[in-house]
Protein backbone atom coordinates (compact mmCIF):
# COMPACT_ATOMS: atom_id res chain seq x y z
CA UNK A 1 63.52 -18.77 -75.53
CA UNK A 2 62.83 -21.80 -74.21
CA UNK A 3 61.42 -22.36 -70.09
CA UNK A 4 61.66 -25.79 -69.76
CA UNK A 5 63.34 -26.24 -66.30
CA UNK A 6 67.29 -28.13 -67.17
CA UNK A 7 67.42 -29.63 -63.45
CA UNK A 8 64.45 -30.79 -60.92
CA UNK A 9 65.24 -31.59 -57.73
CA UNK A 10 63.42 -33.51 -55.14
CA UNK A 11 63.11 -33.78 -51.45
CA UNK A 12 62.57 -37.40 -51.40
CA UNK A 13 63.22 -38.69 -47.82
CA UNK A 14 60.15 -38.43 -45.68
CA UNK A 15 58.10 -36.17 -48.81
CA UNK A 16 58.17 -39.17 -51.13
CA UNK A 17 60.10 -42.43 -49.18
CA UNK A 18 59.54 -43.26 -45.93
CA UNK A 19 62.91 -44.77 -45.60
CA UNK A 20 62.31 -45.05 -41.80
CA UNK A 21 61.85 -49.02 -42.61
CA UNK A 22 65.26 -49.21 -44.28
CA UNK A 23 67.32 -46.87 -41.99
CA UNK A 24 66.49 -49.26 -39.35
CA UNK A 25 66.52 -52.92 -41.22
CA UNK A 26 70.18 -51.19 -41.78
CA UNK A 27 71.13 -50.68 -38.59
CA UNK A 28 69.88 -53.61 -37.07
CA UNK A 29 71.91 -55.86 -39.70
CA UNK A 30 74.77 -53.72 -38.23
CA UNK A 31 74.33 -54.14 -34.15
CA UNK A 32 74.12 -58.08 -36.09
CA UNK A 33 76.76 -58.54 -37.58
CA UNK A 34 79.22 -56.82 -35.10
CA UNK A 35 77.54 -59.07 -32.99
CA UNK A 36 76.40 -55.55 -30.31
CA UNK A 37 72.69 -56.17 -29.11
CA UNK A 38 70.87 -53.79 -30.87
CA UNK A 39 69.08 -50.72 -29.51
CA UNK A 40 65.12 -50.23 -29.68
CA UNK A 41 63.53 -49.54 -32.88
CA UNK A 42 62.51 -45.87 -31.34
CA UNK A 43 66.96 -45.53 -29.92
CA UNK A 44 67.26 -45.89 -33.81
CA UNK A 45 65.08 -43.34 -34.96
CA UNK A 46 65.91 -40.59 -32.41
CA UNK A 47 69.51 -40.37 -33.49
CA UNK A 48 68.93 -40.53 -37.42
CA UNK A 49 70.49 -37.15 -38.46
CA UNK A 50 73.46 -37.23 -36.63
CA UNK A 51 76.86 -37.35 -36.81
CA UNK A 52 78.40 -40.82 -36.67
CA UNK A 53 80.08 -39.81 -33.43
CA UNK A 54 77.50 -37.79 -31.83
CA UNK A 55 74.60 -40.97 -32.98
CA UNK A 56 77.05 -43.57 -30.78
CA UNK A 57 77.61 -41.55 -27.95
CA UNK A 58 73.64 -41.20 -27.86
CA UNK A 59 73.35 -44.59 -27.96
CA UNK A 60 76.26 -45.89 -25.53
CA UNK A 61 74.82 -43.02 -22.95
CA UNK A 62 77.93 -41.85 -22.71
CA UNK A 63 79.78 -45.23 -22.71
CA UNK A 64 82.43 -46.46 -24.06
CA UNK A 65 80.58 -49.40 -25.47
CA UNK A 66 81.47 -48.30 -29.09
CA UNK A 67 84.40 -47.34 -30.05
CA UNK A 68 84.16 -45.02 -33.39
CA UNK A 69 87.17 -44.23 -35.70
CA UNK A 70 86.82 -40.92 -38.00
């Protein structure tokens, strides 16, 4: 019987790879593309992992600055 694993899964984000720079760069580019003032890096990082609706609500602090269609 072969005891070698058939599959190995790594949790690489934040463990093997620090993707914060790439996440912030992508969000900054999206704001730039839509001619919207970009929040600070700290504010952007505070929404990573939230749903899209929650993220935009937090970024706009309850205002309707960022319309979201789901």
